[in-house]
Amino acid sequence: MMDMEDKIAPDVDLEALTRQYLDAFEARDLERCVGFFHEDATIDFQNTIYRGRKGIEDWHKDRFAVNLKMIRLDSITVNGDTVLVDGAAASKRLAAWKINALNGRITIRFEEGKIRQGKLAPRLTNPLDLLRSGQ
């Protein structure tokens, strides 16, 4: 029986792997992006679960079509098999709603060097912080 520690190869640098995925996403390299995922991986995005290779491909195609881009990377934190990416994103769809950028968090759970689960969620900003920063 395999415990959680056995599922992470000790020589896998999850931060580097995450940065490579983000680079592939920025380059709009669909094949390379999908290659980072397990065959039966899931992405949780806006209350929809995208499953398996076809679902992961469709999610990427949809995001590329609306020109989703990470415009600011605040941090990448690794905790065991999970990586948290905090930053801000922009897209044509957000712009249509008069939103220039949305703060968010990507939670990625790796297994055996591949993404098993990904979740993208907005992070609400305290309006007082916006006033203080003059935005």
Protein backbone atom coordinates (compact mmCIF):
# COMPACT_ATOMS: atom_id res chain seq x y z
CA MET A 1 0.00 0.00 0.00
CA MET A 2 1.35 3.41 -1.01
CA ASP A 3 1.19 6.32 1.43
CA MET A 4 1.08 9.99 0.41
CA GLU A 5 4.84 10.47 0.62
CA ASP A 6 5.38 7.65 -1.88
CA LYS A 7 3.29 9.50 -4.47
CA ILE A 8 5.79 12.35 -4.74
CA ALA A 9 9.11 11.49 -6.29
CA PRO A 10 11.77 13.07 -4.06
CA ASP A 11 13.62 14.53 -7.04
CA VAL A 12 10.56 16.38 -8.45
CA ASP A 13 10.76 20.16 -8.00
CA LEU A 14 7.06 21.06 -7.91
CA GLU A 15 7.72 24.81 -8.05
CA ALA A 16 9.82 24.39 -11.20
CA LEU A 17 7.18 22.08 -12.71
CA THR A 18 4.48 24.67 -11.94
CA ARG A 19 6.53 27.44 -13.57
CA GLN A 20 7.03 25.24 -16.66
CA TYR A 21 3.27 24.71 -16.88
CA LEU A 22 2.62 28.46 -16.52
CA ASP A 23 5.16 29.11 -19.30
CA ALA A 24 3.41 26.58 -21.56
CA PHE A 25 0.06 28.23 -20.77
CA GLU A 26 1.46 31.67 -21.59
CA ALA A 27 2.82 30.28 -24.89
CA ARG A 28 -0.63 28.79 -25.67
CA ASP A 29 1.01 25.40 -26.20
CA LEU A 30 -2.02 23.12 -25.83
CA GLU A 31 -0.15 19.84 -26.23
CA ARG A 32 2.51 20.82 -23.70
CA CYS A 33 -0.10 22.11 -21.22
CA VAL A 34 -2.15 18.92 -21.37
CA GLY A 35 1.03 16.88 -20.98
CA PHE A 36 1.42 18.16 -17.41
CA PHE A 37 -1.82 16.41 -16.37
CA HIS A 38 -2.66 12.82 -15.44
CA GLU A 39 -4.98 11.13 -17.95
CA ASP A 40 -7.84 11.27 -15.43
CA ALA A 41 -7.04 14.67 -13.89
CA THR A 42 -9.64 17.29 -13.03
CA ILE A 43 -9.82 21.07 -13.19
CA ASP A 44 -12.37 22.85 -11.00
CA PHE A 45 -13.22 26.21 -12.57
CA GLN A 46 -16.27 28.39 -11.92
CA ASN A 47 -18.31 25.57 -10.36
CA THR A 48 -17.60 23.26 -13.29
CA ILE A 49 -15.38 20.16 -13.13
CA TYR A 50 -13.43 19.35 -16.31
CA ARG A 51 -12.42 15.67 -16.29
CA GLY A 52 -9.89 13.60 -18.17
CA ARG A 53 -7.79 14.44 -21.20
CA LYS A 54 -10.75 15.73 -23.29
CA GLY A 55 -12.01 17.93 -20.45
CA ILE A 56 -8.52 19.31 -19.76
CA GLU A 57 -8.06 20.08 -23.48
CA ASP A 58 -11.47 21.77 -23.68
CA TRP A 59 -10.74 23.88 -20.60
CA HIS A 60 -7.45 25.09 -22.11
CA LYS A 61 -9.03 25.79 -25.52
CA ASP A 62 -11.78 27.84 -23.83
CA ARG A 63 -9.24 29.82 -21.77
CA PHE A 64 -7.03 30.45 -24.81
CA ALA A 65 -10.10 31.62 -26.82
CA VAL A 66 -10.83 34.37 -24.25
CA ASN A 67 -7.12 35.21 -23.96
CA LEU A 68 -6.83 34.38 -20.26
CA LYS A 69 -3.43 35.55 -19.07
CA MET A 70 -1.71 35.66 -15.74
CA ILE A 71 -0.69 39.30 -15.51
CA ARG A 72 0.86 39.16 -12.07
CA LEU A 73 2.49 36.30 -10.17
CA ASP A 74 2.63 37.08 -6.46
CA SER A 75 3.82 33.78 -5.03
CA ILE A 76 4.25 30.06 -5.50
CA THR A 77 4.08 28.02 -2.31
CA VAL A 78 4.76 24.28 -2.13
CA ASN A 79 3.33 22.22 0.72
CA GLY A 80 3.84 18.48 0.23
CA ASP A 81 2.06 17.47 -2.98
CA THR A 82 0.15 20.76 -3.25
CA VAL A 83 1.22 24.01 -4.90
CA LEU A 84 -0.55 27.34 -4.35
CA VAL A 85 -0.10 30.04 -6.98
CA ASP A 86 -1.35 33.52 -6.07
CA GLY A 87 -1.59 36.30 -8.61
CA ALA A 88 -3.91 38.16 -10.94
CA ALA A 89 -5.42 37.27 -14.29
CA ALA A 90 -7.09 39.16 -17.12
CA SER A 91 -9.15 38.00 -20.10
CA LYS A 92 -11.48 39.25 -22.83
CA ARG A 93 -14.41 37.86 -20.82
CA LEU A 94 -13.40 39.80 -17.70
CA ALA A 95 -12.87 42.93 -19.80
CA ALA A 96 -16.41 42.57 -21.17
CA TRP A 97 -17.58 42.86 -17.55
CA LYS A 98 -15.37 45.97 -17.11
CA ILE A 99 -12.97 44.03 -14.87
CA ASN A 100 -9.34 44.77 -15.74
CA ALA A 101 -7.91 42.00 -13.58
CA LEU A 102 -9.03 39.49 -11.01
CA ASN A 103 -6.93 38.35 -8.06
CA GLY A 104 -6.95 34.60 -7.73
CA ARG A 105 -5.41 31.43 -6.43
CA ILE A 106 -4.56 28.30 -8.35
CA THR A 107 -4.38 25.18 -6.19
CA ILE A 108 -2.57 22.30 -7.87
CA ARG A 109 -2.25 18.81 -6.41
CA PHE A 110 0.48 16.71 -7.97
CA GLU A 111 0.83 12.95 -8.00
CA GLU A 112 3.87 11.19 -9.43
CA GLY A 113 5.10 14.38 -11.11
CA LYS A 114 1.80 15.13 -12.90
CA ILE A 115 -1.15 17.35 -12.03
CA ARG A 116 -3.94 15.26 -10.50
CA GLN A 117 -6.24 18.18 -9.57
CA GLY A 118 -6.31 21.86 -10.34
CA LYS A 119 -8.64 24.49 -8.94
CA LEU A 120 -8.85 28.14 -9.90
CA ALA A 121 -10.67 30.50 -7.58
CA PRO A 122 -10.99 34.28 -7.31
CA ARG A 123 -9.64 35.96 -4.22
CA LEU A 124 -11.61 38.94 -3.13
CA THR A 125 -9.68 42.05 -2.28
CA ASN A 126 -10.51 44.15 0.73
CA PRO A 127 -11.99 47.41 -0.66
CA LEU A 128 -10.12 49.36 2.05
CA ASP A 129 -6.83 48.06 0.65
CA LEU A 130 -7.83 49.41 -2.79
CA LEU A 131 -8.56 52.82 -1.28
CA ARG A 132 -5.25 52.83 0.56
CA SER A 133 -3.34 51.94 -2.59
CA GLY A 134 -5.15 54.56 -4.67
CA GLN A 135 -6.46 52.07 -7.26
